[in-house]
Protein backbone atom coordinates (compact mmCIF):
# COMPACT_ATOMS: atom_id res chain seq x y z
CA MET A 1 -33.58 -5.35 36.90
CA ALA A 2 -34.54 -6.37 33.38
CA ALA A 3 -36.79 -3.20 32.97
CA LEU A 4 -34.20 -0.76 31.29
CA GLY A 5 -31.78 -3.54 29.19
CA LEU A 6 -30.46 -5.25 32.31
CA ASP A 7 -31.29 -9.30 31.53
CA PRO A 8 -30.99 -11.60 34.06
CA GLY A 9 -27.70 -13.64 34.16
CA THR A 10 -25.66 -10.16 33.78
CA LYS A 11 -22.65 -10.31 35.79
CA GLY A 12 -19.98 -7.85 37.24
CA THR A 13 -16.32 -8.38 37.74
CA ILE A 14 -16.47 -7.55 41.42
CA GLU A 15 -18.46 -9.73 43.96
CA PRO A 16 -18.37 -9.50 47.69
CA ILE A 17 -15.34 -11.56 48.98
CA SER A 18 -15.83 -14.04 51.20
CA PRO A 19 -14.57 -14.94 53.88
CA PHE A 20 -14.33 -11.20 54.85
CA ASP A 21 -12.31 -9.97 57.88
CA VAL A 22 -12.99 -6.24 58.00
CA GLU A 23 -10.95 -5.82 60.91
CA GLU A 24 -7.73 -7.38 58.82
CA ASP A 25 -8.82 -5.33 55.60
CA ALA A 26 -8.62 -2.18 57.69
CA GLN A 27 -5.47 -2.86 59.21
CA ALA A 28 -3.87 -3.92 55.84
CA LEU A 29 -4.79 -0.80 54.39
CA ARG A 30 -3.28 1.31 57.32
CA GLU A 31 -0.20 -0.34 57.06
CA ALA A 32 -0.03 0.41 53.65
CA MET A 33 -0.30 3.96 53.95
CA LYS A 34 1.92 4.49 57.38
CA GLY A 35 5.47 6.06 57.14
CA TRP A 36 7.02 7.64 54.09
CA GLY A 37 4.68 7.35 50.99
CA SER A 38 2.43 4.27 50.17
CA ASP A 39 2.15 0.54 49.20
CA ASP A 40 -0.04 1.62 46.39
CA ARG A 41 -0.01 -1.90 45.06
CA ALA A 42 -1.33 -3.22 48.36
CA LEU A 43 -3.87 -0.48 48.29
CA LEU A 44 -5.45 -0.97 44.85
CA ALA A 45 -5.12 -5.10 45.25
CA LEU A 46 -7.45 -4.93 48.27
CA LEU A 47 -9.77 -2.38 47.43
CA SER A 48 -10.05 -3.51 43.73
CA THR A 49 -11.20 -7.34 45.23
CA ARG A 50 -13.86 -6.04 47.72
CA SER A 51 -17.55 -4.92 46.96
CA ALA A 52 -18.67 -1.41 47.60
CA GLU A 53 -20.38 -2.24 50.49
CA GLN A 54 -17.47 -4.25 52.01
CA ARG A 55 -15.33 -1.10 51.24
CA LEU A 56 -17.75 1.16 53.18
CA LYS A 57 -17.73 -1.19 56.15
CA ILE A 58 -13.70 -0.96 55.94
CA GLY A 59 -13.66 2.67 56.07
CA LEU A 60 -16.29 2.59 59.35
CA TYR A 61 -13.79 0.35 61.09
CA TYR A 62 -10.67 1.90 59.74
CA LYS A 63 -11.94 5.17 61.55
CA THR A 64 -12.85 3.28 64.25
CA MET A 65 -9.68 1.65 65.01
CA TYR A 66 -7.58 4.69 64.25
CA GLY A 67 -9.61 7.76 64.45
CA ARG A 68 -8.92 8.46 60.87
CA ASP A 69 -10.81 8.68 57.51
CA LEU A 70 -10.07 6.22 54.86
CA THR A 71 -11.01 8.35 52.16
CA ALA A 72 -8.87 11.47 53.06
CA ASP A 73 -6.10 8.86 54.01
CA LEU A 74 -6.31 7.56 50.41
CA LYS A 75 -6.37 11.26 49.06
CA TRP A 76 -3.42 12.04 51.11
CA GLU A 77 -1.18 9.27 50.12
CA THR A 78 -2.49 9.26 46.36
CA SER A 79 -2.46 11.56 43.44
CA GLY A 80 -3.91 12.08 40.17
CA HIS A 81 -6.28 9.90 38.46
CA PHE A 82 -5.25 6.99 40.70
CA GLU A 83 -6.42 9.08 43.54
CA SER A 84 -9.84 9.77 41.68
CA ALA A 85 -10.47 6.50 41.07
CA LEU A 86 -10.05 5.37 44.53
CA LYS A 87 -12.03 8.01 45.91
CA ARG A 88 -14.83 7.24 43.87
CA MET A 89 -14.53 3.57 44.91
CA MET A 90 -15.56 4.55 48.27
CA TYR A 91 -19.14 5.39 47.68
CA ASP A 92 -22.08 2.99 47.15
CA ARG A 93 -23.90 3.09 44.02
CA PRO A 94 -26.03 5.47 44.53
CA HIS A 95 -23.70 8.03 46.21
CA PHE A 96 -21.05 7.19 43.25
CA ASP A 97 -23.53 8.34 40.73
CA ALA A 98 -24.95 11.46 42.51
CA TYR A 99 -21.29 12.13 43.16
CA CYS A 100 -20.44 11.44 39.13
CA LEU A 101 -23.82 13.66 38.29
CA GLY A 102 -22.61 16.58 40.54
CA LYS A 103 -19.08 16.45 38.63
CA CYS A 104 -20.64 16.48 35.29
CA MET A 105 -23.00 19.74 36.23
CA LYS A 106 -20.07 21.45 38.41
CA GLY A 107 -18.12 24.52 37.05
CA LEU A 108 -18.06 26.28 33.28
CA GLY A 109 -19.85 24.00 31.00
CA THR A 110 -22.01 20.67 31.56
CA ASP A 111 -20.69 17.08 30.68
CA GLU A 112 -24.01 16.62 28.93
CA ALA A 113 -22.77 13.22 27.52
CA GLY A 114 -22.06 11.98 31.30
CA LEU A 115 -25.74 13.14 32.17
CA ILE A 116 -27.07 11.07 29.18
CA GLU A 117 -24.63 7.97 30.31
CA ILE A 118 -25.88 8.25 34.19
CA LEU A 119 -29.45 9.26 33.88
CA LEU A 120 -30.89 7.39 30.96
CA THR A 121 -29.54 3.91 31.92
CA LYS A 122 -31.32 3.52 35.44
CA THR A 123 -34.34 1.65 36.52
CA ASN A 124 -36.92 3.52 38.61
CA ASP A 125 -35.36 2.25 42.13
CA GLU A 126 -31.89 3.21 41.00
CA ILE A 127 -33.12 7.07 40.13
CA HIS A 128 -35.00 6.95 43.16
CA ALA A 129 -32.09 5.93 45.31
CA ILE A 130 -29.89 8.57 43.35
CA ASN A 131 -32.20 11.54 43.80
CA SER A 132 -31.93 10.93 47.87
CA ALA A 133 -28.27 10.73 47.74
CA TYR A 134 -27.70 13.66 45.63
CA ARG A 135 -29.66 15.85 48.20
CA ASP A 136 -27.22 13.90 50.66
CA LEU A 137 -24.22 14.98 49.01
CA ASN A 138 -25.41 18.62 47.75
CA PRO A 139 -27.65 19.76 50.87
CA GLY A 140 -30.12 22.42 49.69
CA HIS A 141 -29.96 21.23 46.04
CA THR A 142 -32.40 18.66 44.41
CA LEU A 143 -31.23 16.66 41.27
CA GLU A 144 -33.96 18.07 39.20
CA LYS A 145 -33.55 21.95 40.07
CA ASP A 146 -30.06 21.49 39.13
CA ILE A 147 -30.55 19.75 35.78
CA ILE A 148 -33.13 22.45 34.94
CA SER A 149 -30.52 25.19 35.89
CA GLU A 150 -27.53 23.60 33.53
CA THR A 151 -29.55 22.25 30.90
CA SER A 152 -31.87 23.36 28.25
CA PHE A 153 -34.68 23.17 25.83
CA ASN A 154 -36.05 19.61 24.90
CA PHE A 155 -32.65 17.88 26.22
CA LYS A 156 -33.52 19.16 29.71
CA ARG A 157 -37.37 17.77 29.05
CA LEU A 158 -36.00 14.50 28.42
CA LEU A 159 -33.63 14.51 31.38
CA ILE A 160 -36.46 15.72 33.87
CA SER A 161 -38.75 12.80 32.60
CA ALA A 162 -35.57 10.65 33.37
CA VAL A 163 -35.27 11.64 37.32
CA GLN A 164 -38.94 11.14 38.03
CA GLY A 165 -37.97 7.19 37.95
CA ASN A 166 -41.48 6.44 36.85
CA ARG A 167 -41.23 4.13 33.91
CA ASN A 168 -43.75 1.37 33.52
CA GLU A 169 -41.57 -1.85 34.77
CA ASP A 170 -44.10 -4.80 34.32
CA GLY A 171 -43.12 -7.45 31.38
CA GLY A 172 -46.72 -7.40 29.74
CA VAL A 173 -47.06 -6.46 25.93
CA ASP A 174 -50.00 -4.70 24.63
CA HIS A 175 -49.61 -5.75 20.75
CA ALA A 176 -52.35 -3.07 19.83
CA LYS A 177 -50.59 -0.42 21.51
CA ALA A 178 -47.20 -1.08 20.21
CA LYS A 179 -48.49 -0.80 16.91
CA LYS A 180 -50.55 2.61 17.55
CA GLU A 181 -47.49 4.00 19.20
CA ALA A 182 -45.53 3.29 16.52
CA GLU A 183 -47.65 5.10 14.22
CA SER A 184 -47.79 8.03 16.48
CA LEU A 185 -43.70 7.91 16.64
CA TYR A 186 -43.74 7.87 12.52
CA LYS A 187 -46.53 10.45 12.30
CA ALA A 188 -44.16 12.86 14.58
CA GLY A 189 -41.13 12.04 12.73
CA GLU A 190 -40.55 10.94 9.42
CA LYS A 191 -44.21 11.68 8.35
CA LYS A 192 -44.17 15.26 9.65
CA TRP A 193 -42.59 18.41 8.59
CA GLY A 194 -40.40 19.36 11.30
CA THR A 195 -40.55 16.79 14.61
CA ASP A 196 -42.71 16.56 17.83
CA GLU A 197 -40.15 15.55 20.07
CA SER A 198 -42.82 15.46 22.74
CA GLU A 199 -44.24 12.36 21.53
CA PHE A 200 -40.74 10.91 21.34
CA ASN A 201 -40.13 11.68 24.99
CA ARG A 202 -43.52 10.67 26.09
CA ILE A 203 -43.47 7.25 24.62
CA LEU A 204 -39.69 6.35 25.32
CA MET A 205 -39.69 7.83 28.88
CA LEU A 206 -43.04 5.98 29.89
CA ARG A 207 -43.26 2.52 28.22
CA SER A 208 -41.58 -0.81 29.78
CA ARG A 209 -38.89 -2.53 28.05
CA ALA A 210 -40.66 -5.20 26.42
CA GLN A 211 -43.31 -2.86 25.35
CA LEU A 212 -40.86 -0.46 23.84
CA LEU A 213 -39.23 -3.66 21.82
CA ALA A 214 -42.62 -4.47 20.35
CA THR A 215 -43.29 -0.69 19.39
CA PHE A 216 -39.60 -0.54 17.80
CA LYS A 217 -40.71 -3.82 15.80
CA GLU A 218 -44.00 -2.22 14.77
CA TYR A 219 -42.07 0.80 13.53
CA ARG A 220 -39.88 -0.86 11.62
CA LYS A 221 -42.76 -2.38 9.45
CA ILE A 222 -44.41 1.26 8.49
CA SER A 223 -40.76 3.07 8.24
CA SER A 224 -37.83 3.14 5.99
CA TYR A 225 -35.47 2.97 8.86
CA ASP A 226 -35.36 1.52 12.22
CA ILE A 227 -35.84 3.88 15.13
CA THR A 228 -32.47 4.73 16.09
CA ARG A 229 -32.07 5.66 12.40
CA SER A 230 -35.00 8.18 12.31
CA ILE A 231 -33.74 9.73 15.47
CA GLU A 232 -30.68 10.52 14.07
CA HIS A 233 -32.49 12.02 10.92
CA GLU A 234 -35.01 13.98 12.95
CA MET A 235 -32.92 14.91 16.04
CA SER A 236 -29.46 16.74 16.70
CA GLY A 237 -26.92 17.55 19.63
CA ASP A 238 -27.73 16.43 22.84
CA LEU A 239 -31.46 15.79 22.48
CA CYS A 240 -30.50 13.16 19.54
CA ARG A 241 -27.55 11.50 21.90
CA GLY A 242 -30.03 11.15 24.59
CA MET A 243 -32.91 9.43 22.60
CA LYS A 244 -30.38 7.26 21.24
CA ALA A 245 -29.35 6.31 24.47
CA VAL A 246 -32.46 5.06 25.80
CA VAL A 247 -33.24 3.12 22.51
CA GLN A 248 -29.73 1.33 22.78
CA CYS A 249 -30.25 0.71 26.66
CA ILE A 250 -33.88 -0.81 25.51
CA LYS A 251 -31.87 -3.15 22.60
CA ASP A 252 -28.63 -4.09 24.26
CA ARG A 253 -27.19 -2.00 27.05
CA PRO A 254 -23.79 -3.86 26.84
CA THR A 255 -23.05 -2.19 23.48
CA TYR A 256 -24.20 0.91 24.56
CA PHE A 257 -21.39 1.00 27.46
CA ALA A 258 -18.74 -0.96 25.27
CA GLU A 259 -19.03 2.29 22.67
CA ARG A 260 -18.87 4.75 25.33
CA LEU A 261 -15.53 3.10 26.55
CA TYR A 262 -14.11 2.81 22.88
CA LYS A 263 -14.96 6.78 22.18
CA CYS A 264 -13.39 7.57 25.31
CA MET A 265 -9.98 6.02 24.82
CA LYS A 266 -9.68 6.43 21.21
CA GLY A 267 -8.02 9.00 19.55
CA VAL A 268 -5.60 11.73 21.39
CA GLY A 269 -6.01 11.48 25.02
CA THR A 270 -8.29 9.89 27.34
CA ASP A 271 -11.41 11.01 28.68
CA ASP A 272 -10.72 9.81 32.36
CA ALA A 273 -14.28 10.69 33.52
CA THR A 274 -15.78 8.48 31.42
CA LEU A 275 -13.45 5.68 31.61
CA ILE A 276 -13.48 5.69 35.54
CA ARG A 277 -17.22 6.13 35.84
CA ILE A 278 -18.08 3.30 33.59
CA VAL A 279 -15.46 0.74 34.81
CA ILE A 280 -16.34 1.51 38.64
CA GLY A 281 -19.69 2.27 38.25
CA ARG A 282 -20.49 -0.79 36.17
CA SER A 283 -18.33 -3.45 38.00
CA GLU A 284 -20.62 -5.01 40.27
CA VAL A 285 -23.39 -4.91 37.49
CA ASP A 286 -22.71 -5.81 34.08
CA LEU A 287 -19.08 -5.09 33.18
CA GLU A 288 -18.06 -8.77 32.36
CA ASP A 289 -20.91 -8.64 29.55
CA ILE A 290 -19.43 -5.39 28.81
CA LYS A 291 -16.05 -6.66 28.16
CA ASP A 292 -17.28 -9.49 26.12
CA ARG A 293 -19.23 -7.12 23.95
CA PHE A 294 -16.37 -4.77 23.70
CA PHE A 295 -14.09 -7.52 22.23
CA ASP A 296 -16.78 -8.60 19.91
CA MET A 297 -17.08 -5.20 18.66
CA TYR A 298 -13.33 -4.04 18.49
CA ASN A 299 -11.39 -7.22 18.18
CA LYS A 300 -9.41 -5.65 21.37
CA SER A 301 -9.88 -6.64 24.94
CA LEU A 302 -10.86 -3.69 27.35
CA ALA A 303 -7.57 -4.69 29.21
CA LYS A 304 -5.40 -3.97 25.85
CA MET A 305 -6.89 -0.86 25.25
CA ILE A 306 -6.46 0.36 28.76
CA LYS A 307 -2.88 -0.86 28.76
CA ASP A 308 -2.12 1.28 25.60
CA ASP A 309 -3.97 4.40 26.65
CA ILE A 310 -3.16 5.21 30.35
CA SER A 311 -0.14 4.32 32.87
CA GLY A 312 1.10 3.73 36.35
CA ASN A 313 -1.23 2.67 39.36
CA TYR A 314 -4.20 4.14 37.67
CA LYS A 315 -3.69 1.64 34.73
CA ARG A 316 -3.36 -1.02 37.40
CA LEU A 317 -6.28 -0.34 39.24
CA MET A 318 -8.75 0.18 36.02
CA ILE A 319 -7.52 -3.40 34.99
CA ALA A 320 -7.65 -5.22 38.27
CA ILE A 321 -11.36 -4.01 38.39
CA CYS A 322 -11.88 -5.49 35.09
CA LYS A 323 -10.27 -8.55 35.98
CA GLU A 324 -7.72 -9.07 33.33
CA GLY A 325 -4.37 -8.93 32.67
């Protein structure tokens, strides 16, 4: 998993609970939703302490035991962002990402930042699983075709490269190639009138993390800027944001997600889709690391920022997943 910035030893906030009594959990959820109204605190307490695999197993037993669909019952008994978050918790990781990608491209306008966040932060295996899950959730569609339909120009090409899931993931470094490709990036950007975006695309989307780190080091020796600043100078819009996301996740993935979380809650209003997507999506991967980086960067805990920005059962669920408060 170190292929795109995720180092060994990273830790999520949710792990499979043991011992795990799936029948007891299914019964507890049914009890929480019987009668008039639901016991929302019981729902969030149980679901926020089970892994995605365990939640799916609970859903299967729930249907077997009661002939009812757990996700449909959760939707019926809850509302608003609390409902949205619980619904997303009933997917495995590939289907969660695939569902979020569909939401990013549904309706008027496209959430390009969401596409960047999901597609440009994944390993090859994760991309392949997302492609398959996307077909499951969207019969007759493929992720690549929908991206072609919803995006354009060099940004579209960057995302098409990402959905191939074909990055070199070995740990070796060819230092001669690193030096040569650093020079290629310099010639394609700072040294050129205009920018050859295709050269950035080729190198950033094909090389392994270890190889790119070596290339970025060589680039700094010949350029006035580091690679991130050069991208900011040479590109704009969604392409710039996408290329920067690749570089950030190669260098330091927790920082990328900490910044995304801070920006989605900063100022007036909260980007709830982003908050839910990151907190749930990273909960079994590296949310502990993201929390630590968030505090280092902003001198404020993620839980405190959530408490200040959102309310009700939605707030309680997000904090419970973060394992704070």
